[in-house]
Protein backbone atom coordinates (compact mmCIF):
# COMPACT_ATOMS: atom_id res chain seq x y z
CA MET A 1 -59.38 99.14 38.69
CA ALA A 2 -59.91 95.44 39.05
CA GLU A 3 -56.68 93.50 38.66
CA LEU A 4 -56.78 90.97 35.82
CA ASP A 5 -55.18 87.70 36.79
CA LEU A 6 -54.34 85.25 34.03
CA ASP A 7 -51.79 82.53 34.51
CA ALA A 8 -49.11 82.03 31.88
CA GLU A 9 -51.03 79.28 30.07
CA ALA A 10 -54.23 81.35 29.70
CA PHE A 11 -52.24 84.43 28.70
CA GLU A 12 -50.34 82.44 26.03
CA LYS A 13 -53.65 81.25 24.60
CA LEU A 14 -54.77 84.85 24.27
CA VAL A 15 -51.53 85.72 22.46
CA VAL A 16 -51.99 82.79 20.03
CA ASP A 17 -55.61 83.85 19.45
CA GLU A 18 -54.58 87.45 18.69
CA LEU A 19 -51.75 86.26 16.47
CA ASP A 20 -54.29 84.18 14.47
CA LEU A 21 -56.37 87.34 13.91
CA LEU A 22 -53.52 89.28 12.28
CA PRO A 23 -53.54 89.64 8.52
CA ASP A 24 -51.80 86.79 6.69
CA ASP A 25 -49.56 89.14 4.75
CA MET A 26 -48.22 90.52 8.03
CA VAL A 27 -47.51 87.09 9.54
CA ASP A 28 -46.46 85.15 6.42
CA GLY A 29 -43.31 87.22 5.99
CA LEU A 30 -41.99 86.44 9.43
CA ASP A 31 -38.92 84.31 8.77
CA ASN A 32 -37.09 82.63 11.62
CA VAL A 33 -39.05 84.36 14.35
CA VAL A 34 -40.49 82.82 17.50
CA PHE A 35 -43.09 84.31 19.84
CA VAL A 36 -42.32 84.10 23.51
CA VAL A 37 -44.26 85.08 26.63
CA GLU A 38 -42.32 86.09 29.71
CA ASP A 39 -43.62 87.46 33.01
CA ARG A 40 -41.51 90.60 33.04
CA PRO A 41 -38.52 92.21 31.33
CA GLU A 42 -35.14 91.29 32.78
CA ASP A 43 -34.96 94.51 34.75
CA GLY A 44 -38.26 93.58 36.47
CA SER A 45 -40.02 96.76 35.37
CA LEU A 46 -43.65 97.02 34.22
CA ASP A 47 -42.86 99.70 31.63
CA LEU A 48 -42.21 97.46 28.66
CA LEU A 49 -45.09 95.51 27.07
CA GLY A 50 -43.11 93.74 24.38
CA LEU A 51 -39.76 93.49 22.71
CA TYR A 52 -38.40 92.51 19.31
CA ASP A 53 -35.09 90.78 19.88
CA GLY A 54 -33.27 90.21 16.65
CA VAL A 55 -32.03 91.57 13.35
CA ASN A 56 -34.74 93.35 11.39
CA LEU A 57 -35.46 92.41 7.82
CA THR A 58 -33.88 95.55 6.38
CA GLU A 59 -30.55 94.80 8.07
CA ARG A 60 -30.27 91.04 7.59
CA GLY A 61 -27.95 90.82 4.55
CA GLN A 62 -26.43 87.33 4.60
CA TYR A 63 -28.61 86.40 7.56
CA GLY A 64 -30.36 83.05 7.48
CA PHE A 65 -29.12 79.53 7.59
CA GLY A 66 -28.19 78.35 11.05
CA GLU A 67 -29.09 81.58 12.79
CA LEU A 68 -30.94 81.39 16.08
CA PRO A 69 -34.50 82.63 15.58
CA ASP A 70 -35.34 86.19 16.37
CA ARG A 71 -37.73 86.60 19.26
CA ILE A 72 -40.87 88.63 19.76
CA ILE A 73 -41.46 88.74 23.48
CA LEU A 74 -44.71 89.76 25.14
CA TYR A 75 -44.53 90.50 28.86
CA ARG A 76 -47.50 89.11 30.70
CA GLU A 77 -47.41 91.17 33.93
CA PRO A 78 -46.98 94.61 32.27
CA LEU A 79 -49.77 93.84 29.76
CA LEU A 80 -52.07 92.74 32.59
CA ASP A 81 -51.12 95.88 34.56
CA VAL A 82 -52.23 98.26 31.78
CA SER A 83 -55.49 96.42 31.05
CA ALA A 84 -58.69 97.08 32.92
CA ASP A 85 -60.52 94.02 31.52
CA LEU A 86 -60.19 91.14 29.16
CA GLU A 87 -61.21 93.15 26.08
CA GLU A 88 -58.64 95.81 26.81
CA LEU A 89 -56.01 93.06 27.37
CA LYS A 90 -56.82 91.56 23.96
CA ASP A 91 -56.44 95.05 22.40
CA GLN A 92 -53.14 95.62 24.18
CA ILE A 93 -51.81 92.23 23.03
CA HIS A 94 -52.89 92.96 19.48
CA VAL A 95 -51.23 96.39 19.41
CA THR A 96 -48.06 94.98 20.99
CA LEU A 97 -47.89 92.16 18.41
CA VAL A 98 -48.30 94.60 15.53
CA HIS A 99 -45.71 96.92 17.08
CA GLU A 100 -43.05 94.24 17.54
CA ILE A 101 -43.78 92.62 14.12
CA ALA A 102 -43.32 96.11 12.61
CA HIS A 103 -39.86 96.25 14.19
CA PHE A 104 -39.08 92.96 12.45
CA TYR A 105 -39.92 94.65 9.14
CA GLY A 106 -37.63 97.56 9.97
CA ILE A 107 -40.29 100.10 10.99
CA ASP A 108 -39.04 102.18 13.93
CA ASP A 109 -40.96 103.70 16.82
CA ASP A 110 -41.20 107.14 15.21
CA GLU A 111 -42.83 105.68 12.08
CA LEU A 112 -45.14 103.51 14.22
CA HIS A 113 -46.30 106.58 16.19
CA ARG A 114 -46.89 108.41 12.89
CA LEU A 115 -49.02 105.46 11.68
CA GLY A 116 -51.02 105.43 14.97
CA TRP A 117 -49.49 102.22 16.35
CA GLY A 118 -47.23 103.87 18.93
């Protein structure tokens, strides 16, 4: 399999493009969330494609004013590693974005798998 090689800037542009393609009603509800691209997870593994780092909507309670933003992180090297070509990379970014945004809304991995987004 040919290795895809995109630098951080080109990869971030793909993430922004895929984010723009998501349905408005999925993205409009994201409150106090930032999207971040990192090369790899802290443990250096290639197993994790993305991560939702925050308090999901169903557990927020008095959450809000003055809170640091939640983060949705996409890991560039693992996503490149699982993608054979640019189209597959776009698909993987799309699925990872949907997956992590779903965690923001309180949808867990089991439910995501049941819905076909696992």
